[in-house]
Amino acid sequence: MPISGGRQKRKLDDVELYEYAVASLARKMRTVAELKRLLRARAHPTDDGNLAVEAVIAKLKEQKYLNDSRYAAAYSQYRQTNEKFGRRRVISDLKVKGVHGDVIEHAVNAAYDDVNEERLARQFLERKRVKKPQNQRESARLFRMLLRAGFSSAAIFKVLKRWNFDDEVLAAVESEAEQIESE
């Protein structure tokens, strides 16, 4: 009996594991690493369970239900087009999802090939309904927000300069940016 008080999930055999994987992919597109994590939690914790997980993954790849390249391309395009995130954010998110570096590089380059980063940052701010900062503190907060959204500091400074800030405010934000990027 589990200590947490929750119900212990029944371990699945090979066929059930495959059906679980297909149902999971029907609900949401996943990477190979994400699906492996899900399946390992439901498989028997033996070598047979690990072999079953690998067999299911291989079968899904063969049937073209599972493809990290296609996933990374769709994910990158969605995050850029709909959510207006910068390149760096998409790269870090795909790394967390367990996608291989070469696949990430190819997909992100394709999605962000002809994108003007400054314009995308402005669109991100519009989407978030952010207004022009009124002081240095708000400017620094905006800078950090755009940095977390995956934009380069050069693009962020272009956005801030278009808002006609005092050189003093920009210098203060720039010094904070250097501290953040050095961490």
N, C-alpha and C. Protein backbone atom coordinates (compact mmCIF):
# COMPACT_ATOMS: atom_id res chain seq x y z
N MET A 1 0.84 -1.18 0.00
CA MET A 1 0.00 0.00 0.00
C MET A 1 0.89 1.24 0.00
N PRO A 2 0.61 2.20 -0.88
CA PRO A 2 1.45 3.39 -0.95
C PRO A 2 1.32 4.27 0.28
N ILE A 3 2.42 4.92 0.62
CA ILE A 3 2.47 5.79 1.79
C ILE A 3 1.61 7.04 1.58
N SER A 4 1.53 7.52 0.35
CA SER A 4 0.82 8.77 0.07
C SER A 4 -0.69 8.66 0.26
N GLY A 5 -1.19 7.46 0.42
CA GLY A 5 -2.62 7.29 0.63
C GLY A 5 -3.38 7.18 -0.69
N GLY A 6 -2.70 7.42 -1.81
CA GLY A 6 -3.34 7.33 -3.12
C GLY A 6 -3.43 5.88 -3.57
N ARG A 7 -4.16 5.68 -4.61
CA ARG A 7 -4.33 4.34 -5.15
C ARG A 7 -3.13 3.97 -6.01
N GLN A 8 -2.62 2.78 -5.83
CA GLN A 8 -1.51 2.27 -6.63
C GLN A 8 -2.05 1.89 -8.01
N LYS A 9 -1.44 2.40 -9.07
CA LYS A 9 -1.91 2.08 -10.42
C LYS A 9 -1.44 0.69 -10.80
N ARG A 10 -2.33 -0.02 -11.42
CA ARG A 10 -2.05 -1.39 -11.86
C ARG A 10 -1.01 -1.36 -12.98
N LYS A 11 -0.05 -2.27 -12.89
CA LYS A 11 0.98 -2.36 -13.92
C LYS A 11 0.39 -3.04 -15.15
N LEU A 12 0.78 -2.54 -16.32
CA LEU A 12 0.20 -3.00 -17.57
C LEU A 12 1.09 -4.02 -18.26
N ASP A 13 0.46 -4.97 -18.97
CA ASP A 13 1.23 -5.92 -19.78
C ASP A 13 1.54 -5.27 -21.14
N ASP A 14 2.19 -6.02 -22.03
CA ASP A 14 2.66 -5.48 -23.30
C ASP A 14 1.54 -4.86 -24.14
N VAL A 15 0.45 -5.58 -24.32
CA VAL A 15 -0.66 -5.12 -25.15
C VAL A 15 -1.31 -3.89 -24.52
N GLU A 16 -1.54 -3.95 -23.23
CA GLU A 16 -2.15 -2.82 -22.52
C GLU A 16 -1.24 -1.58 -22.56
N LEU A 17 0.05 -1.82 -22.48
CA LEU A 17 1.02 -0.72 -22.54
C LEU A 17 0.94 -0.02 -23.90
N TYR A 18 0.82 -0.80 -24.96
CA TYR A 18 0.70 -0.24 -26.31
C TYR A 18 -0.60 0.57 -26.42
N GLU A 19 -1.70 0.01 -25.95
CA GLU A 19 -2.99 0.71 -26.01
C GLU A 19 -2.96 2.00 -25.19
N TYR A 20 -2.31 1.94 -24.05
CA TYR A 20 -2.15 3.13 -23.20
C TYR A 20 -1.35 4.21 -23.93
N ALA A 21 -0.28 3.80 -24.62
CA ALA A 21 0.56 4.73 -25.36
C ALA A 21 -0.22 5.39 -26.50
N VAL A 22 -0.97 4.60 -27.24
CA VAL A 22 -1.75 5.14 -28.36
C VAL A 22 -2.81 6.11 -27.84
N ALA A 23 -3.48 5.74 -26.75
CA ALA A 23 -4.49 6.63 -26.17
C ALA A 23 -3.85 7.93 -25.69
N SER A 24 -2.66 7.83 -25.12
CA SER A 24 -1.94 9.01 -24.65
C SER A 24 -1.57 9.92 -25.81
N LEU A 25 -1.12 9.33 -26.91
CA LEU A 25 -0.76 10.12 -28.09
C LEU A 25 -2.00 10.70 -28.77
N ALA A 26 -3.13 10.06 -28.62
CA ALA A 26 -4.37 10.59 -29.20
C ALA A 26 -4.80 11.86 -28.46
N ARG A 27 -4.51 11.91 -27.17
CA ARG A 27 -4.86 13.09 -26.38
C ARG A 27 -3.90 14.25 -26.61
N LYS A 28 -2.62 13.92 -26.77
CA LYS A 28 -1.60 14.97 -26.84
C LYS A 28 -0.36 14.44 -27.53
N MET A 29 0.19 15.23 -28.44
CA MET A 29 1.44 14.87 -29.10
C MET A 29 2.56 14.88 -28.07
N ARG A 30 3.42 13.89 -28.10
CA ARG A 30 4.50 13.78 -27.11
C ARG A 30 5.82 13.43 -27.77
N THR A 31 6.91 13.71 -27.04
CA THR A 31 8.23 13.31 -27.52
C THR A 31 8.48 11.87 -27.08
N VAL A 32 9.51 11.27 -27.63
CA VAL A 32 9.88 9.91 -27.26
C VAL A 32 10.20 9.86 -25.76
N ALA A 33 10.96 10.82 -25.27
CA ALA A 33 11.35 10.83 -23.85
C ALA A 33 10.13 10.96 -22.94
N GLU A 34 9.18 11.83 -23.31
CA GLU A 34 7.97 11.99 -22.49
C GLU A 34 7.16 10.71 -22.45
N LEU A 35 7.00 10.08 -23.61
CA LEU A 35 6.21 8.85 -23.66
C LEU A 35 6.90 7.72 -22.90
N LYS A 36 8.21 7.65 -23.00
CA LYS A 36 8.94 6.63 -22.23
C LYS A 36 8.72 6.81 -20.74
N ARG A 37 8.76 8.05 -20.26
CA ARG A 37 8.51 8.33 -18.85
C ARG A 37 7.12 7.86 -18.44
N LEU A 38 6.13 8.16 -19.26
CA LEU A 38 4.76 7.74 -18.96
C LEU A 38 4.65 6.22 -18.91
N LEU A 39 5.24 5.57 -19.90
CA LEU A 39 5.13 4.11 -20.00
C LEU A 39 5.89 3.41 -18.88
N ARG A 40 7.05 3.93 -18.53
CA ARG A 40 7.83 3.30 -17.45
C ARG A 40 7.07 3.34 -16.13
N ALA A 41 6.28 4.37 -15.93
CA ALA A 41 5.49 4.47 -14.70
C ALA A 41 4.39 3.42 -14.65
N ARG A 42 3.96 2.96 -15.82
CA ARG A 42 2.86 1.98 -15.88
C ARG A 42 3.34 0.56 -16.18
N ALA A 43 4.62 0.40 -16.52
CA ALA A 43 5.17 -0.93 -16.84
C ALA A 43 5.67 -1.61 -15.56
N HIS A 44 5.85 -2.91 -15.64
CA HIS A 44 6.43 -3.65 -14.51
C HIS A 44 7.87 -3.20 -14.32
N PRO A 45 8.30 -3.01 -13.08
CA PRO A 45 9.66 -2.50 -12.83
C PRO A 45 10.73 -3.58 -12.96
N THR A 46 10.63 -4.37 -13.99
CA THR A 46 11.59 -5.43 -14.24
C THR A 46 12.22 -5.21 -15.60
N ASP A 47 13.17 -6.08 -15.94
CA ASP A 47 13.76 -6.00 -17.27
C ASP A 47 12.72 -6.25 -18.34
N ASP A 48 11.75 -7.13 -18.06
CA ASP A 48 10.68 -7.38 -19.02
C ASP A 48 9.85 -6.12 -19.26
N GLY A 49 9.60 -5.37 -18.21
CA GLY A 49 8.86 -4.12 -18.34
C GLY A 49 9.61 -3.11 -19.18
N ASN A 50 10.93 -3.00 -18.97
CA ASN A 50 11.76 -2.08 -19.77
C ASN A 50 11.80 -2.50 -21.23
N LEU A 51 11.87 -3.81 -21.46
CA LEU A 51 11.86 -4.31 -22.84
C LEU A 51 10.52 -4.02 -23.51
N ALA A 52 9.44 -4.16 -22.76
CA ALA A 52 8.10 -3.87 -23.29
C ALA A 52 7.99 -2.40 -23.67
N VAL A 53 8.51 -1.51 -22.84
CA VAL A 53 8.48 -0.08 -23.14
C VAL A 53 9.25 0.20 -24.42
N GLU A 54 10.43 -0.35 -24.55
CA GLU A 54 11.24 -0.14 -25.75
C GLU A 54 10.56 -0.70 -26.99
N ALA A 55 9.89 -1.86 -26.85
CA ALA A 55 9.18 -2.47 -27.98
C ALA A 55 8.00 -1.58 -28.41
N VAL A 56 7.28 -1.05 -27.45
CA VAL A 56 6.15 -0.16 -27.77
C VAL A 56 6.65 1.09 -28.48
N ILE A 57 7.72 1.67 -27.98
CA ILE A 57 8.29 2.88 -28.60
C ILE A 57 8.72 2.58 -30.04
N ALA A 58 9.41 1.46 -30.23
CA ALA A 58 9.86 1.08 -31.58
C ALA A 58 8.67 0.88 -32.52
N LYS A 59 7.63 0.24 -32.04
CA LYS A 59 6.43 -0.01 -32.86
C LYS A 59 5.76 1.31 -33.23
N LEU A 60 5.65 2.23 -32.28
CA LEU A 60 5.01 3.52 -32.54
C LEU A 60 5.83 4.35 -33.53
N LYS A 61 7.15 4.26 -33.43
CA LYS A 61 8.00 4.97 -34.40
C LYS A 61 7.81 4.38 -35.79
N GLU A 62 7.78 3.06 -35.86
CA GLU A 62 7.60 2.37 -37.14
C GLU A 62 6.26 2.74 -37.78
N GLN A 63 5.24 2.88 -36.95
CA GLN A 63 3.90 3.23 -37.45
C GLN A 63 3.74 4.74 -37.67
N LYS A 64 4.81 5.48 -37.40
CA LYS A 64 4.85 6.94 -37.58
C LYS A 64 3.89 7.68 -36.65
N TYR A 65 3.58 7.09 -35.51
CA TYR A 65 2.79 7.77 -34.48
C TYR A 65 3.69 8.63 -33.60
N LEU A 66 4.97 8.32 -33.60
CA LEU A 66 5.92 8.97 -32.71
C LEU A 66 7.11 9.44 -33.53
N ASN A 67 7.35 10.76 -33.55
CA ASN A 67 8.43 11.31 -34.35
C ASN A 67 8.88 12.63 -33.72
N ASP A 68 10.04 12.63 -33.12
CA ASP A 68 10.54 13.84 -32.43
C ASP A 68 10.78 15.00 -33.40
N SER A 69 11.19 14.72 -34.62
CA SER A 69 11.42 15.80 -35.59
C SER A 69 10.12 16.51 -35.92
N ARG A 70 9.09 15.72 -36.17
CA ARG A 70 7.78 16.31 -36.49
C ARG A 70 7.23 17.07 -35.27
N TYR A 71 7.43 16.49 -34.08
CA TYR A 71 6.98 17.14 -32.85
C TYR A 71 7.68 18.48 -32.67
N ALA A 72 9.00 18.49 -32.81
CA ALA A 72 9.78 19.72 -32.60
C ALA A 72 9.40 20.79 -33.62
N ALA A 73 9.16 20.39 -34.86
CA ALA A 73 8.77 21.35 -35.89
C ALA A 73 7.41 21.97 -35.56
N ALA A 74 6.44 21.14 -35.20
CA ALA A 74 5.10 21.64 -34.88
C ALA A 74 5.13 22.50 -33.63
N TYR A 75 5.87 22.07 -32.62
CA TYR A 75 5.97 22.81 -31.36
C TYR A 75 6.62 24.17 -31.59
N SER A 76 7.71 24.20 -32.34
CA SER A 76 8.42 25.45 -32.61
C SER A 76 7.54 26.42 -33.38
N GLN A 77 6.87 25.92 -34.38
CA GLN A 77 6.00 26.77 -35.19
C GLN A 77 4.85 27.33 -34.36
N TYR A 78 4.26 26.50 -33.52
CA TYR A 78 3.15 26.94 -32.68
C TYR A 78 3.59 28.01 -31.70
N ARG A 79 4.71 27.76 -31.02
CA ARG A 79 5.18 28.72 -30.01
C ARG A 79 5.57 30.05 -30.65
N GLN A 80 6.09 30.01 -31.86
CA GLN A 80 6.48 31.24 -32.54
C GLN A 80 5.25 31.96 -33.09
N THR A 81 4.36 31.27 -33.75
CA THR A 81 3.22 31.89 -34.42
C THR A 81 2.12 32.30 -33.44
N ASN A 82 1.74 31.43 -32.54
CA ASN A 82 0.59 31.69 -31.67
C ASN A 82 0.95 32.35 -30.36
N GLU A 83 2.02 31.89 -29.73
CA GLU A 83 2.36 32.41 -28.41
C GLU A 83 3.41 33.50 -28.44
N LYS A 84 4.03 33.69 -29.61
CA LYS A 84 4.99 34.77 -29.83
C LYS A 84 6.23 34.67 -28.94
N PHE A 85 6.65 33.46 -28.61
CA PHE A 85 7.85 33.28 -27.81
C PHE A 85 9.09 33.39 -28.67
N GLY A 86 10.18 33.79 -28.05
CA GLY A 86 11.46 33.91 -28.73
C GLY A 86 12.13 32.56 -28.90
N ARG A 87 13.13 32.57 -29.74
CA ARG A 87 13.87 31.36 -30.10
C ARG A 87 14.45 30.64 -28.87
N ARG A 88 15.06 31.38 -27.96
CA ARG A 88 15.72 30.76 -26.79
C ARG A 88 14.73 30.00 -25.92
N ARG A 89 13.54 30.55 -25.76
CA ARG A 89 12.53 29.89 -24.92
C ARG A 89 12.11 28.55 -25.54
N VAL A 90 11.92 28.54 -26.84
CA VAL A 90 11.51 27.31 -27.53
C VAL A 90 12.61 26.26 -27.42
N ILE A 91 13.84 26.67 -27.58
CA ILE A 91 14.97 25.74 -27.48
C ILE A 91 15.02 25.12 -26.08
N SER A 92 14.91 25.95 -25.05
CA SER A 92 14.99 25.41 -23.68
C SER A 92 13.80 24.50 -23.37
N ASP A 93 12.60 24.86 -23.85
CA ASP A 93 11.43 24.02 -23.63
C ASP A 93 11.58 22.66 -24.30
N LEU A 94 12.10 22.64 -25.52
CA LEU A 94 12.29 21.36 -26.22
C LEU A 94 13.37 20.51 -25.54
N LYS A 95 14.39 21.15 -25.00
CA LYS A 95 15.41 20.39 -24.26
C LYS A 95 14.80 19.72 -23.04
N VAL A 96 13.94 20.45 -22.34
CA VAL A 96 13.27 19.89 -21.16
C VAL A 96 12.41 18.69 -21.56
N LYS A 97 11.83 18.74 -22.73
CA LYS A 97 10.97 17.66 -23.21
C LYS A 97 11.77 16.46 -23.73
N GLY A 98 13.10 16.59 -23.74
CA GLY A 98 13.95 15.45 -24.09
C GLY A 98 14.24 15.29 -25.57
N VAL A 99 14.07 16.35 -26.34
CA VAL A 99 14.36 16.28 -27.77
C VAL A 99 15.87 16.48 -27.98
N HIS A 100 16.42 15.74 -28.92
CA HIS A 100 17.86 15.79 -29.21
C HIS A 100 18.25 17.16 -29.77
N GLY A 101 19.45 17.62 -29.45
CA GLY A 101 19.93 18.94 -29.84
C GLY A 101 19.90 19.21 -31.33
N ASP A 102 20.30 18.24 -32.15
CA ASP A 102 20.29 18.44 -33.61
C ASP A 102 18.88 18.63 -34.14
N VAL A 103 17.95 17.87 -33.59
CA VAL A 103 16.54 17.97 -34.00
C VAL A 103 16.00 19.35 -33.61
N ILE A 104 16.34 19.79 -32.41
CA ILE A 104 15.91 21.11 -31.93
C ILE A 104 16.45 22.20 -32.85
N GLU A 105 17.72 22.15 -33.14
CA GLU A 105 18.36 23.17 -33.96
C GLU A 105 17.68 23.28 -35.33
N HIS A 106 17.45 22.14 -35.96
CA HIS A 106 16.82 22.13 -37.29
C HIS A 106 15.40 22.69 -37.23
N ALA A 107 14.60 22.25 -36.26
CA ALA A 107 13.21 22.68 -36.16
C ALA A 107 13.09 24.17 -35.82
N VAL A 108 13.89 24.62 -34.88
CA VAL A 108 13.82 26.03 -34.46
C VAL A 108 14.33 26.94 -35.58
N ASN A 109 15.39 26.53 -36.26
CA ASN A 109 15.89 27.34 -37.38
C ASN A 109 14.83 27.47 -38.47
N ALA A 110 14.12 26.39 -38.74
CA ALA A 110 13.07 26.43 -39.75
C ALA A 110 11.92 27.35 -39.32
N ALA A 111 11.54 27.29 -38.06
CA ALA A 111 10.41 28.09 -37.57
C ALA A 111 10.76 29.57 -37.46
N TYR A 112 12.01 29.89 -37.14
CA TYR A 112 12.40 31.28 -36.89
C TYR A 112 13.27 31.85 -38.00
N ASP A 113 13.27 31.20 -39.15
CA ASP A 113 14.15 31.59 -40.26
C ASP A 113 13.96 33.04 -40.69
N ASP A 114 12.75 33.44 -41.01
CA ASP A 114 12.50 34.79 -41.51
C ASP A 114 11.80 35.68 -40.49
N VAL A 115 12.03 35.43 -39.20
CA VAL A 115 11.33 36.16 -38.16
C VAL A 115 12.17 37.33 -37.67
N ASN A 116 11.56 38.50 -37.61
CA ASN A 116 12.19 39.68 -37.05
C ASN A 116 11.98 39.60 -35.54
N GLU A 117 13.06 39.42 -34.79
CA GLU A 117 12.96 39.20 -33.35
C GLU A 117 12.36 40.40 -32.62
N GLU A 118 12.71 41.60 -33.05
CA GLU A 118 12.16 42.80 -32.40
C GLU A 118 10.64 42.85 -32.61
N ARG A 119 10.18 42.59 -33.82
CA ARG A 119 8.75 42.61 -34.11
C ARG A 119 8.03 41.52 -33.31
N LEU A 120 8.64 40.36 -33.21
CA LEU A 120 8.05 39.26 -32.44
C LEU A 120 7.94 39.64 -30.96
N ALA A 121 8.96 40.33 -30.44
CA ALA A 121 8.92 40.78 -29.04
C ALA A 121 7.79 41.78 -28.84
N ARG A 122 7.59 42.66 -29.79
CA ARG A 122 6.48 43.61 -29.70
C ARG A 122 5.14 42.89 -29.73
N GLN A 123 5.03 41.89 -30.60
CA GLN A 123 3.80 41.10 -30.67
C GLN A 123 3.55 40.35 -29.36
N PHE A 124 4.64 39.87 -28.76
CA PHE A 124 4.51 39.19 -27.46
C PHE A 124 3.96 40.16 -26.42
N LEU A 125 4.49 41.37 -26.40
CA LEU A 125 4.02 42.37 -25.44
C LEU A 125 2.55 42.75 -25.69
N GLU A 126 2.17 42.84 -26.97
CA GLU A 126 0.77 43.12 -27.29
C GLU A 126 -0.13 41.99 -26.81
N ARG A 127 0.32 40.77 -27.03
CA ARG A 127 -0.44 39.60 -26.61
C ARG A 127 -0.64 39.58 -25.10
N LYS A 128 0.38 40.02 -24.38
CA LYS A 128 0.33 40.07 -22.92
C LYS A 128 -0.30 41.37 -22.41
N ARG A 129 -0.64 42.25 -23.33
CA ARG A 129 -1.25 43.56 -23.00
C ARG A 129 -0.37 44.39 -22.05
N VAL A 130 0.91 44.42 -22.36
CA VAL A 130 1.86 45.16 -21.54
C VAL A 130 1.91 46.60 -22.03
N LYS A 131 1.84 47.51 -21.10
CA LYS A 131 1.91 48.93 -21.43
C LYS A 131 3.34 49.45 -21.22
N LYS A 132 3.59 50.64 -21.75
CA LYS A 132 4.91 51.25 -21.62
C LYS A 132 5.26 51.41 -20.14
N PRO A 133 6.44 50.92 -19.75
CA PRO A 133 6.87 51.09 -18.35
C PRO A 133 7.04 52.56 -18.01
N GLN A 134 6.72 52.89 -16.77
CA GLN A 134 6.77 54.29 -16.34
C GLN A 134 8.05 54.65 -15.60
N ASN A 135 8.79 53.65 -15.13
CA ASN A 135 10.00 53.96 -14.38
C ASN A 135 11.03 52.84 -14.58
N GLN A 136 12.17 53.01 -13.93
CA GLN A 136 13.27 52.05 -14.08
C GLN A 136 12.88 50.66 -13.58
N ARG A 137 12.16 50.60 -12.49
CA ARG A 137 11.76 49.31 -11.92
C ARG A 137 10.86 48.53 -12.89
N GLU A 138 9.88 49.21 -13.46
CA GLU A 138 8.99 48.57 -14.43
C GLU A 138 9.74 48.18 -15.69
N SER A 139 10.70 48.98 -16.09
CA SER A 139 11.51 48.65 -17.27
C SER A 139 12.33 47.39 -17.02
N ALA A 140 12.91 47.29 -15.84
CA ALA A 140 13.69 46.10 -15.50
C ALA A 140 12.79 44.86 -15.46
N ARG A 141 11.58 45.02 -14.92
CA ARG A 141 10.63 43.92 -14.88
C ARG A 141 10.26 43.47 -16.30
N LEU A 142 10.04 44.44 -17.18
CA LEU A 142 9.73 44.15 -18.57
C LEU A 142 10.90 43.44 -19.25
N PHE A 143 12.11 43.91 -18.96
CA PHE A 143 13.30 43.29 -19.53
C PHE A 143 13.37 41.81 -19.13
N ARG A 144 13.16 41.55 -17.84
CA ARG A 144 13.21 40.15 -17.35
C ARG A 144 12.11 39.31 -17.98
N MET A 145 10.93 39.89 -18.15
CA MET A 145 9.82 39.16 -18.78
C MET A 145 10.18 38.75 -20.20
N LEU A 146 10.74 39.68 -20.96
CA LEU A 146 11.12 39.38 -22.34
C LEU A 146 12.28 38.40 -22.40
N LEU A 147 13.18 38.48 -21.45
CA LEU A 147 14.28 37.54 -21.39
C LEU A 147 13.76 36.13 -21.15
N ARG A 148 12.82 35.98 -20.20
CA ARG A 148 12.20 34.67 -19.92
C ARG A 148 11.41 34.16 -21.12
N ALA A 149 10.88 35.08 -21.92
CA ALA A 149 10.10 34.69 -23.10
C ALA A 149 11.01 34.26 -24.25
N GLY A 150 12.32 34.38 -24.06
CA GLY A 150 13.26 33.84 -25.05
C GLY A 150 13.85 34.83 -26.02
N PHE A 151 13.78 36.11 -25.73
CA PHE A 151 14.32 37.11 -26.63
C PHE A 151 15.74 37.52 -26.22
N SER A 152 16.53 37.88 -27.20
CA SER A 152 17.90 38.31 -26.92
C SER A 152 17.88 39.70 -26.31
N SER A 153 18.93 40.02 -25.56
CA SER A 153 18.98 41.34 -24.93
C SER A 153 19.06 42.44 -25.99
N ALA A 154 19.67 42.17 -27.13
CA ALA A 154 19.74 43.17 -28.21
C ALA A 154 18.34 43.53 -28.70
N ALA A 155 17.50 42.53 -28.91
CA ALA A 155 16.12 42.79 -29.37
C ALA A 155 15.32 43.51 -28.30
N ILE A 156 15.55 43.15 -27.05
CA ILE A 156 14.82 43.80 -25.95
C ILE A 156 15.18 45.27 -25.87
N PHE A 157 16.47 45.59 -26.01
CA PHE A 157 16.90 46.99 -25.96
C PHE A 157 16.32 47.79 -27.13
N LYS A 158 16.19 47.16 -28.29
CA LYS A 158 15.56 47.85 -29.42
C LYS A 158 14.12 48.21 -29.09
N VAL A 159 13.41 47.28 -28.44
CA VAL A 159 12.02 47.54 -28.05
C VAL A 159 11.97 48.69 -27.05
N LEU A 160 12.85 48.65 -26.05
CA LEU A 160 12.86 49.71 -25.03
C LEU A 160 13.24 51.06 -25.63
N LYS A 161 14.19 51.07 -26.55
CA LYS A 161 14.62 52.33 -27.16
C LYS A 161 13.51 52.95 -27.98
N ARG A 162 12.69 52.14 -28.59
CA ARG A 162 11.56 52.66 -29.37
C ARG A 162 10.54 53.37 -28.49
N TRP A 163 10.56 53.07 -27.20
CA TRP A 163 9.64 53.71 -26.27
C TRP A 163 10.24 55.01 -25.72
N ASN A 164 11.37 55.42 -26.29
CA ASN A 164 12.01 56.69 -25.94
C ASN A 164 12.30 56.85 -24.44
N PHE A 165 13.03 55.92 -23.91
CA PHE A 165 13.43 56.00 -22.51
C PHE A 165 14.66 56.89 -22.38
N ASP A 166 14.84 57.43 -21.20
CA ASP A 166 16.04 58.20 -20.90
C ASP A 166 17.24 57.26 -20.98
N ASP A 167 18.38 57.81 -21.37
CA ASP A 167 19.60 57.01 -21.43
C ASP A 167 19.95 56.46 -20.06
N GLU A 168 19.61 57.20 -19.03
CA GLU A 168 19.89 56.78 -17.65
C GLU A 168 19.13 55.49 -17.30
N VAL A 169 17.86 55.43 -17.69
CA VAL A 169 17.04 54.24 -17.42
C VAL A 169 17.57 53.05 -18.23
N LEU A 170 17.88 53.29 -19.50
CA LEU A 170 18.41 52.21 -20.34
C LEU A 170 19.74 51.68 -19.80
N ALA A 171 20.59 52.56 -19.31
CA ALA A 171 21.88 52.15 -18.76
C ALA A 171 21.67 51.29 -17.51
N ALA A 172 20.72 51.67 -16.67
CA ALA A 172 20.44 50.89 -15.46
C ALA A 172 19.90 49.52 -15.81
N VAL A 173 19.01 49.46 -16.79
CA VAL A 173 18.45 48.16 -17.22
C VAL A 173 19.54 47.32 -17.86
N GLU A 174 20.41 47.95 -18.62
CA GLU A 174 21.50 47.24 -19.28
C GLU A 174 22.46 46.62 -18.26
N SER A 175 22.74 47.35 -17.18
CA SER A 175 23.63 46.80 -16.15
C SER A 175 22.97 45.61 -15.46
N GLU A 176 21.68 45.70 -15.25
CA GLU A 176 20.96 44.56 -14.65
C GLU A 176 20.96 43.38 -15.62
N ALA A 177 20.84 43.67 -16.91
CA ALA A 177 20.85 42.61 -17.92
C ALA A 177 22.18 41.87 -17.92
N GLU A 178 23.26 42.62 -17.79
CA GLU A 178 24.58 41.99 -17.76
C GLU A 178 24.72 41.08 -16.54
N GLN A 179 24.16 41.49 -15.42
CA GLN A 179 24.19 40.66 -14.22
C GLN A 179 23.39 39.37 -14.42
N ILE A 180 22.21 39.49 -15.02
CA ILE A 180 21.35 38.33 -15.26
C ILE A 180 22.02 37.35 -16.20
N GLU A 181 22.59 37.86 -17.30
CA GLU A 181 23.20 37.00 -18.31
C GLU A 181 24.50 36.36 -17.80
N SER A 182 25.17 36.97 -16.82
CA SER A 182 26.41 36.39 -16.31
C SER A 182 26.14 35.27 -15.29
N GLU A 183 24.92 35.19 -14.78
CA GLU A 183 24.57 34.15 -13.79
C GLU A 183 24.40 32.81 -14.43
